[in-house]
PDB file of N, CA and C in Angstrom:
ATOM      1  N   MET A   1     -34.973   0.305  10.248  1.00  0.00           N
ATOM      2  CA  MET A   1     -33.575   0.392  10.854  1.00  0.00           C
ATOM      3  C   MET A   1     -33.722  -0.630  12.111  1.00  0.00           C
ATOM      4  N   LYS A   2     -33.454  -1.685  11.890  1.00  0.00           N
ATOM      5  CA  LYS A   2     -33.093  -2.398  13.488  1.00  0.00           C
ATOM      6  C   LYS A   2     -31.976  -2.155  14.120  1.00  0.00           C
ATOM      7  N   LEU A   3     -32.191  -1.442  15.420  1.00  0.00           N
ATOM      8  CA  LEU A   3     -30.890  -1.174  15.888  1.00  0.00           C
ATOM      9  C   LEU A   3     -30.153  -2.403  17.058  1.00  0.00           C
ATOM     10  N   TYR A   4     -30.783  -3.167  16.837  1.00  0.00           N
ATOM     11  CA  TYR A   4     -30.185  -4.636  17.667  1.00  0.00           C
ATOM     12  C   TYR A   4     -28.988  -5.084  17.013  1.00  0.00           C
ATOM     13  N   ASN A   5     -29.027  -4.952  15.666  1.00  0.00           N
ATOM     14  CA  ASN A   5     -27.998  -5.443  14.637  1.00  0.00           C
ATOM     15  C   ASN A   5     -27.153  -4.346  13.933  1.00  0.00           C
ATOM     16  N   TRP A   6     -27.222  -3.230  14.515  1.00  0.00           N
ATOM     17  CA  TRP A   6     -26.584  -2.280  13.709  1.00  0.00           C
ATOM     18  C   TRP A   6     -25.134  -2.256  14.642  1.00  0.00           C
ATOM     19  N   LYS A   7     -24.298  -2.396  13.897  1.00  0.00           N
ATOM     20  CA  LYS A   7     -22.544  -2.210  14.133  1.00  0.00           C
ATOM     21  C   LYS A   7     -21.790  -0.907  13.781  1.00  0.00           C
ATOM     22  N   PRO A   8     -21.223  -0.540  14.290  1.00  0.00           N
ATOM     23  CA  PRO A   8     -20.353   0.788  13.970  1.00  0.00           C
ATOM     24  C   PRO A   8     -19.434   0.820  13.082  1.00  0.00           C
ATOM     25  N   THR A   9     -19.750   0.462  12.105  1.00  0.00           N
ATOM     26  CA  THR A   9     -18.858   0.193  10.358  1.00  0.00           C
ATOM     27  C   THR A   9     -18.742   1.504   9.919  1.00  0.00           C
ATOM     28  N   ALA A  10     -17.860   1.648   9.052  1.00  0.00           N
ATOM     29  CA  ALA A  10     -17.877   3.118   8.413  1.00  0.00           C
ATOM     30  C   ALA A  10     -19.148   3.445   7.789  1.00  0.00           C
ATOM     31  N   GLU A  11     -19.411   2.524   7.150  1.00  0.00           N
ATOM     32  CA  GLU A  11     -20.885   2.748   6.138  1.00  0.00           C
ATOM     33  C   GLU A  11     -21.833   3.404   7.118  1.00  0.00           C
ATOM     34  N   ASN A  12     -22.315   2.750   8.096  1.00  0.00           N
ATOM     35  CA  ASN A  12     -23.123   3.007   9.080  1.00  0.00           C
ATOM     36  C   ASN A  12     -22.902   4.270   9.675  1.00  0.00           C
ATOM     37  N   ILE A  13     -21.893   4.655   9.896  1.00  0.00           N
ATOM     38  CA  ILE A  13     -21.379   5.837  10.771  1.00  0.00           C
ATOM     39  C   ILE A  13     -21.647   7.102   9.736  1.00  0.00           C
ATOM     40  N   ASN A  14     -21.782   6.844   8.417  1.00  0.00           N
ATOM     41  CA  ASN A  14     -21.491   7.691   7.440  1.00  0.00           C
ATOM     42  C   ASN A  14     -23.446   7.851   6.769  1.00  0.00           C
ATOM     43  N   ASN A  15     -24.126   6.696   7.242  1.00  0.00           N
ATOM     44  CA  ASN A  15     -25.411   7.160   7.119  1.00  0.00           C
ATOM     45  C   ASN A  15     -25.974   7.701   8.319  1.00  0.00           C
ATOM     46  N   LEU A  16     -25.247   7.978   9.299  1.00  0.00           N
ATOM     47  CA  LEU A  16     -25.731   8.656  10.380  1.00  0.00           C
ATOM     48  C   LEU A  16     -26.077  10.279  10.084  1.00  0.00           C
ATOM     49  N   PRO A  17     -27.075  10.796  10.567  1.00  0.00           N
ATOM     50  CA  PRO A  17     -27.156  12.354  10.278  1.00  0.00           C
ATOM     51  C   PRO A  17     -25.696  12.876  10.854  1.00  0.00           C
ATOM     52  N   GLU A  18     -25.770  14.149  10.208  1.00  0.00           N
ATOM     53  CA  GLU A  18     -24.613  15.222  10.300  1.00  0.00           C
ATOM     54  C   GLU A  18     -23.699  15.446  11.769  1.00  0.00           C
ATOM     55  N   LYS A  19     -25.105  15.582  12.211  1.00  0.00           N
ATOM     56  CA  LYS A  19     -24.391  16.068  14.003  1.00  0.00           C
ATOM     57  C   LYS A  19     -23.991  14.854  14.566  1.00  0.00           C
ATOM     58  N   ILE A  20     -24.788  13.904  14.521  1.00  0.00           N
ATOM     59  CA  ILE A  20     -24.218  12.400  15.139  1.00  0.00           C
ATOM     60  C   ILE A  20     -22.839  12.199  14.716  1.00  0.00           C
ATOM     61  N   ARG A  21     -22.756  12.153  13.324  1.00  0.00           N
ATOM     62  CA  ARG A  21     -21.266  11.905  12.961  1.00  0.00           C
ATOM     63  C   ARG A  21     -20.184  13.089  13.474  1.00  0.00           C
ATOM     64  N   ASP A  22     -20.547  14.134  13.476  1.00  0.00           N
ATOM     65  CA  ASP A  22     -19.611  15.232  14.371  1.00  0.00           C
ATOM     66  C   ASP A  22     -19.546  14.774  15.519  1.00  0.00           C
ATOM     67  N   TYR A  23     -20.582  14.378  16.341  1.00  0.00           N
ATOM     68  CA  TYR A  23     -20.512  14.444  17.747  1.00  0.00           C
ATOM     69  C   TYR A  23     -19.525  13.026  17.785  1.00  0.00           C
ATOM     70  N   ILE A  24     -19.699  11.690  17.116  1.00  0.00           N
ATOM     71  CA  ILE A  24     -18.990  10.650  16.812  1.00  0.00           C
ATOM     72  C   ILE A  24     -17.374  11.227  17.214  1.00  0.00           C
ATOM     73  N   LYS A  25     -16.935  11.919  15.860  1.00  0.00           N
ATOM     74  CA  LYS A  25     -15.780  12.375  15.614  1.00  0.00           C
ATOM     75  C   LYS A  25     -15.112  13.176  16.802  1.00  0.00           C
ATOM     76  N   GLU A  26     -16.002  13.924  17.440  1.00  0.00           N
ATOM     77  CA  GLU A  26     -15.739  14.742  18.607  1.00  0.00           C
ATOM     78  C   GLU A  26     -15.038  13.885  19.555  1.00  0.00           C
ATOM     79  N   LEU A  27     -16.198  12.710  20.034  1.00  0.00           N
ATOM     80  CA  LEU A  27     -15.667  12.072  21.202  1.00  0.00           C
ATOM     81  C   LEU A  27     -14.301  11.344  20.840  1.00  0.00           C
ATOM     82  N   GLY A  28     -13.979  10.679  19.635  1.00  0.00           N
ATOM     83  CA  GLY A  28     -12.682  10.345  19.647  1.00  0.00           C
ATOM     84  C   GLY A  28     -11.555  11.189  19.322  1.00  0.00           C
ATOM     85  N   THR A  29     -11.972  12.643  18.850  1.00  0.00           N
ATOM     86  CA  THR A  29     -10.958  13.322  19.182  1.00  0.00           C
ATOM     87  C   THR A  29     -10.604  13.889  20.900  1.00  0.00           C
ATOM     88  N   THR A  30     -11.390  13.901  21.413  1.00  0.00           N
ATOM     89  CA  THR A  30     -11.167  14.434  22.892  1.00  0.00           C
ATOM     90  C   THR A  30     -10.783  13.264  23.722  1.00  0.00           C
ATOM     91  N   SER A  31     -11.539  12.029  23.489  1.00  0.00           N
ATOM     92  CA  SER A  31     -10.861  10.849  24.392  1.00  0.00           C
ATOM     93  C   SER A  31      -9.780  10.376  24.093  1.00  0.00           C
ATOM     94  N   ASP A  32      -8.928  10.501  22.855  1.00  0.00           N
ATOM     95  CA  ASP A  32      -7.638  10.085  22.428  1.00  0.00           C
ATOM     96  C   ASP A  32      -6.860  11.123  21.723  1.00  0.00           C
ATOM     97  N   PRO A  33      -6.889  12.436  21.960  1.00  0.00           N
ATOM     98  CA  PRO A  33      -6.358  13.437  21.203  1.00  0.00           C
ATOM     99  C   PRO A  33      -4.887  13.071  20.515  1.00  0.00           C
ATOM    100  N   ALA A  34      -3.927  12.362  21.282  1.00  0.00           N
ATOM    101  CA  ALA A  34      -2.967  12.107  20.495  1.00  0.00           C
ATOM    102  C   ALA A  34      -2.912  10.953  19.709  1.00  0.00           C
ATOM    103  N   GLY A  35      -3.838  10.125  19.737  1.00  0.00           N
ATOM    104  CA  GLY A  35      -3.838   9.202  18.858  1.00  0.00           C
ATOM    105  C   GLY A  35      -3.416   7.717  19.663  1.00  0.00           C
ATOM    106  N   ILE A  36      -3.168   7.869  20.623  1.00  0.00           N
ATOM    107  CA  ILE A  36      -2.254   6.895  21.771  1.00  0.00           C
ATOM    108  C   ILE A  36      -3.131   5.603  21.355  1.00  0.00           C
ATOM    109  N   ILE A  37      -4.415   5.403  21.592  1.00  0.00           N
ATOM    110  CA  ILE A  37      -5.398   4.185  21.877  1.00  0.00           C
ATOM    111  C   ILE A  37      -5.115   3.530  20.327  1.00  0.00           C
ATOM    112  N   GLN A  38      -5.322   4.960  19.215  1.00  0.00           N
ATOM    113  CA  GLN A  38      -5.441   3.919  18.111  1.00  0.00           C
ATOM    114  C   GLN A  38      -3.887   3.491  17.786  1.00  0.00           C
ATOM    115  N   ASP A  39      -2.794   3.905  18.221  1.00  0.00           N
ATOM    116  CA  ASP A  39      -1.836   3.530  17.751  1.00  0.00           C
ATOM    117  C   ASP A  39      -1.658   2.163  18.485  1.00  0.00           C
ATOM    118  N   ASN A  40      -1.988   2.110  19.600  1.00  0.00           N
ATOM    119  CA  ASN A  40      -2.194   0.815  20.310  1.00  0.00           C
ATOM    120  C   ASN A  40      -2.817  -0.315  19.577  1.00  0.00           C
ATOM    121  N   ALA A  41      -3.792   0.102  19.165  1.00  0.00           N
ATOM    122  CA  ALA A  41      -4.666  -0.957  18.607  1.00  0.00           C
ATOM    123  C   ALA A  41      -3.786  -1.433  17.229  1.00  0.00           C
ATOM    124  N   CYS A  42      -3.447  -0.641  16.931  1.00  0.00           N
ATOM    125  CA  CYS A  42      -2.424  -0.932  15.268  1.00  0.00           C
ATOM    126  C   CYS A  42      -1.409  -1.915  15.885  1.00  0.00           C
ATOM    127  N   LEU A  43      -0.466  -1.310  16.972  1.00  0.00           N
ATOM    128  CA  LEU A  43       0.414  -1.926  17.500  1.00  0.00           C
ATOM    129  C   LEU A  43       0.326  -3.653  17.922  1.00  0.00           C
ATOM    130  N   LEU A  44      -1.202  -3.647  18.282  1.00  0.00           N
ATOM    131  CA  LEU A  44      -1.345  -4.958  18.816  1.00  0.00           C
ATOM    132  C   LEU A  44      -1.672  -5.582  17.577  1.00  0.00           C
ATOM    133  N   GLU A  45      -2.456  -5.704  16.900  1.00  0.00           N
ATOM    134  CA  GLU A  45      -2.617  -6.231  15.301  1.00  0.00           C
ATOM    135  C   GLU A  45      -1.005  -6.526  14.672  1.00  0.00           C
ATOM    136  N   ASN A  46      -0.225  -5.478  14.680  1.00  0.00           N
ATOM    137  CA  ASN A  46       1.155  -5.908  14.284  1.00  0.00           C
ATOM    138  C   ASN A  46       1.828  -6.982  15.171  1.00  0.00           C
ATOM    139  N   VAL A  47       1.583  -6.958  16.133  1.00  0.00           N
ATOM    140  CA  VAL A  47       2.270  -8.159  17.196  1.00  0.00           C
ATOM    141  C   VAL A  47       1.292  -9.403  16.787  1.00  0.00           C
ATOM    142  N   LYS A  48       0.165  -9.296  16.474  1.00  0.00           N
ATOM    143  CA  LYS A  48      -0.564 -10.516  16.391  1.00  0.00           C
ATOM    144  C   LYS A  48      -0.170 -11.245  14.913  1.00  0.00           C
ATOM    145  N   ALA A  49       0.228 -10.217  14.100  1.00  0.00           N
ATOM    146  CA  ALA A  49       0.525 -10.603  12.674  1.00  0.00           C
ATOM    147  C   ALA A  49       1.936 -11.462  12.651  1.00  0.00           C
ATOM    148  N   LEU A  50       2.829 -10.539  13.871  1.00  0.00           N
ATOM    149  CA  LEU A  50       4.374 -11.093  13.326  1.00  0.00           C
ATOM    150  C   LEU A  50       4.583 -12.234  14.499  1.00  0.00           C
ATOM    151  N   THR A  51       3.488 -12.622  15.417  1.00  0.00           N
ATOM    152  CA  THR A  51       3.885 -13.962  16.312  1.00  0.00           C
ATOM    153  C   THR A  51       3.070 -15.188  15.347  1.00  0.00           C
ATOM    154  N   ARG A  52       1.998 -15.032  14.193  1.00  0.00           N
ATOM    155  CA  ARG A  52       1.812 -15.976  13.817  1.00  0.00           C
ATOM    156  C   ARG A  52       2.837 -16.100  12.539  1.00  0.00           C
ATOM    157  N   LYS A  53       3.380 -15.077  11.921  1.00  0.00           N
ATOM    158  CA  LYS A  53       4.239 -15.300  10.924  1.00  0.00           C
ATOM    159  C   LYS A  53       5.530 -16.114  11.634  1.00  0.00           C
ATOM    160  N   CYS A  54       6.062 -15.932  12.728  1.00  0.00           N
ATOM    161  CA  CYS A  54       7.010 -16.417  13.769  1.00  0.00           C
ATOM    162  C   CYS A  54       6.670 -17.607  13.865  1.00  0.00           C
ATOM    163  N   LYS A  55       5.345 -18.329  14.211  1.00  0.00           N
ATOM    164  CA  LYS A  55       4.667 -19.922  14.186  1.00  0.00           C
ATOM    165  C   LYS A  55       5.161 -20.423  13.234  1.00  0.00           C
ATOM    166  N   ILE A  56       4.741 -19.552  12.092  1.00  0.00           N
ATOM    167  CA  ILE A  56       5.112 -20.001  10.687  1.00  0.00           C
ATOM    168  C   ILE A  56       6.362 -20.673  10.263  1.00  0.00           C
ATOM    169  N   LEU A  57       7.381 -19.423  10.388  1.00  0.00           N
ATOM    170  CA  LEU A  57       8.860 -19.595  10.326  1.00  0.00           C
ATOM    171  C   LEU A  57       9.482 -20.851  11.336  1.00  0.00           C
ATOM    172  N   LYS A  58       8.779 -20.518  12.477  1.00  0.00           N
ATOM    173  CA  LYS A  58       9.197 -22.026  13.180  1.00  0.00           C
ATOM    174  C   LYS A  58       8.908 -23.411  12.774  1.00  0.00           C
ATOM    175  N   LEU A  59       7.632 -23.573  12.449  1.00  0.00           N
ATOM    176  CA  LEU A  59       7.343 -24.447  11.688  1.00  0.00           C
ATOM    177  C   LEU A  59       8.597 -24.995  10.469  1.00  0.00           C
ATOM    178  N   ARG A  60       8.381 -24.096   9.671  1.00  0.00           N
ATOM    179  CA  ARG A  60       8.899 -23.986   8.624  1.00  0.00           C
ATOM    180  C   ARG A  60      10.909 -24.476   8.840  1.00  0.00           C
ATOM    181  N   ILE A  61      11.324 -24.134   9.779  1.00  0.00           N
ATOM    182  CA  ILE A  61      12.695 -24.410  10.442  1.00  0.00           C
ATOM    183  C   ILE A  61      12.648 -26.020  10.739  1.00  0.00           C
ATOM    184  N   ASP A  62      11.436 -26.441  11.684  1.00  0.00           N
ATOM    185  CA  ASP A  62      11.023 -27.800  11.831  1.00  0.00           C
ATOM    186  C   ASP A  62      11.406 -28.786  11.212  1.00  0.00           C
ATOM    187  N   LEU A  63      10.788 -28.201  10.129  1.00  0.00           N
ATOM    188  CA  LEU A  63      10.464 -28.977   8.996  1.00  0.00           C
ATOM    189  C   LEU A  63      11.890 -29.279   8.101  1.00  0.00           C
ATOM    190  N   MET A  64      12.589 -28.031   7.881  1.00  0.00           N
ATOM    191  CA  MET A  64      13.661 -27.984   7.219  1.00  0.00           C
ATOM    192  C   MET A  64      14.541 -28.766   8.264  1.00  0.00           C
ATOM    193  N   SER A  65      14.709 -28.724   9.191  1.00  0.00           N
ATOM    194  CA  SER A  65      15.859 -29.672  10.233  1.00  0.00           C
ATOM    195  C   SER A  65      15.365 -31.223  10.143  1.00  0.00           C
ATOM    196  N   PHE A  66      14.449 -31.694   9.617  1.00  0.00           N
ATOM    197  CA  PHE A  66      13.933 -33.045   9.401  1.00  0.00           C
ATOM    198  C   PHE A  66      15.200 -33.577   8.204  1.00  0.00           C
ATOM    199  N   PHE A  67      14.904 -32.546   7.316  1.00  0.00           N
ATOM    200  CA  PHE A  67      15.654 -33.001   5.851  1.00  0.00           C
ATOM    201  C   PHE A  67      16.962 -32.266   6.182  1.00  0.00           C
ATOM    202  N   VAL A  68      17.739 -31.704   6.879  1.00  0.00           N
ATOM    203  CA  VAL A  68      18.862 -31.155   6.751  1.00  0.00           C
ATOM    204  C   VAL A  68      19.660 -31.975   7.760  1.00  0.00           C
ATOM    205  N   PRO A  69      21.128 -32.007   7.508  1.00  0.00           N
ATOM    206  CA  PRO A  69      21.924 -32.869   8.512  1.00  0.00           C
ATOM    207  C   PRO A  69      22.108 -31.785   9.582  1.00  0.00           C
ATOM    208  N   ALA A  70      22.096 -32.446  10.909  1.00  0.00           N
ATOM    209  CA  ALA A  70      22.247 -31.327  12.114  1.00  0.00           C
ATOM    210  C   ALA A  70      22.917 -30.850  12.187  1.00  0.00           C
ATOM    211  N   ASP A  71      24.324 -30.989  11.777  1.00  0.00           N
ATOM    212  CA  ASP A  71      25.916 -30.291  11.772  1.00  0.00           C
ATOM    213  C   ASP A  71      25.420 -28.866  10.879  1.00  0.00           C
ATOM    214  N   LYS A  72      24.822 -29.151   9.802  1.00  0.00           N
ATOM    215  CA  LYS A  72      24.665 -28.003   8.537  1.00  0.00           C
ATOM    216  C   LYS A  72      23.248 -27.314   9.438  1.00  0.00           C
ATOM    217  N   MET A  73      22.666 -27.450  10.198  1.00  0.00           N
ATOM    218  CA  MET A  73      21.422 -27.020  10.471  1.00  0.00           C
ATOM    219  C   MET A  73      21.815 -26.120  12.245  1.00  0.00           C
ATOM    220  N   GLU A  74      22.710 -26.508  12.242  1.00  0.00           N
ATOM    221  CA  GLU A  74      23.241 -25.915  13.603  1.00  0.00           C
ATOM    222  C   GLU A  74      24.222 -24.491  13.081  1.00  0.00           C
ATOM    223  N   LYS A  75      24.476 -24.452  11.990  1.00  0.00           N
ATOM    224  CA  LYS A  75      25.103 -23.599  11.560  1.00  0.00           C
ATOM    225  C   LYS A  75      24.292 -22.393  10.755  1.00  0.00           C
ATOM    226  N   ILE A  76      23.363 -22.905  10.310  1.00  0.00           N
ATOM    227  CA  ILE A  76      22.171 -22.151   9.795  1.00  0.00           C
ATOM    228  C   ILE A  76      21.534 -21.393  10.771  1.00  0.00           C
ATOM    229  N   GLU A  77      21.262 -21.893  12.005  1.00  0.00           N
ATOM    230  CA  GLU A  77      20.722 -21.396  13.242  1.00  0.00           C
ATOM    231  C   GLU A  77      21.939 -20.053  13.914  1.00  0.00           C
ATOM    232  N   LYS A  78      23.141 -20.382  13.723  1.00  0.00           N
ATOM    233  CA  LYS A  78      24.318 -19.419  14.314  1.00  0.00           C
ATOM    234  C   LYS A  78      23.983 -18.420  13.802  1.00  0.00           C
ATOM    235  N   ASP A  79      24.070 -18.471  11.945  1.00  0.00           N
ATOM    236  CA  ASP A  79      23.841 -17.655  11.415  1.00  0.00           C
ATOM    237  C   ASP A  79      23.167 -16.688  11.209  1.00  0.00           C
ATOM    238  N   ALA A  80      21.596 -17.654  11.987  1.00  0.00           N
ATOM    239  CA  ALA A  80      20.693 -16.516  12.122  1.00  0.00           C
ATOM    240  C   ALA A  80      20.607 -15.905  12.784  1.00  0.00           C
ATOM    241  N   GLU A  81      20.982 -16.228  14.268  1.00  0.00           N
ATOM    242  CA  GLU A  81      21.356 -15.586  15.615  1.00  0.00           C
ATOM    243  C   GLU A  81      22.313 -14.337  15.030  1.00  0.00           C
ATOM    244  N   LYS A  82      23.291 -14.367  14.498  1.00  0.00           N
ATOM    245  CA  LYS A  82      24.317 -13.382  13.965  1.00  0.00           C
ATOM    246  C   LYS A  82      23.849 -12.477  13.545  1.00  0.00           C
ATOM    247  N   ALA A  83      22.942 -12.522  12.464  1.00  0.00           N
ATOM    248  CA  ALA A  83      22.063 -11.713  11.807  1.00  0.00           C
ATOM    249  C   ALA A  83      21.133 -10.717  12.626  1.00  0.00           C
ATOM    250  N   GLN A  84      20.533 -11.550  13.362  1.00  0.00           N
ATOM    251  CA  GLN A  84      19.635 -10.881  14.147  1.00  0.00           C
ATOM    252  C   GLN A  84      20.412  -9.796  15.136  1.00  0.00           C
ATOM    253  N   THR A  85      21.658  -9.929  15.682  1.00  0.00           N
ATOM    254  CA  THR A  85      22.026  -9.109  16.845  1.00  0.00           C
ATOM    255  C   THR A  85      22.484  -7.878  16.077  1.00  0.00           C
ATOM    256  N   PRO A  86      21.967  -6.717  16.751  1.00  0.00           N
ATOM    257  CA  PRO A  86      21.956  -5.217  16.225  1.00  0.00           C
ATOM    258  C   PRO A  86      23.695  -4.843  16.146  1.00  0.00           C
ATOM    259  N   ARG A  87      23.597  -4.322  15.396  1.00  0.00           N
ATOM    260  CA  ARG A  87      25.156  -3.896  15.291  1.00  0.00           C
ATOM    261  C   ARG A  87      25.579  -2.236  15.847  1.00  0.00           C
TER     262      ARG A  87
END
């Protein structure tokens, strides 16, 4: 086993001796008992995904505005803003 290529994948960690696996699990539990770090990592991934989706939707709007008359596009944008406002 070449350690310089070793990465902490689930498969590699599961192949470690039991005591080392237990130690790694204990480290994760004691260093982030509430799971906040893990939650933040998941939230960061969600933000990145939503940002990408937002860019795609903005591009679609730009493309749509090319084909839709300006007055109708303004109405579409106003309706979209109303739909986003919390009730």
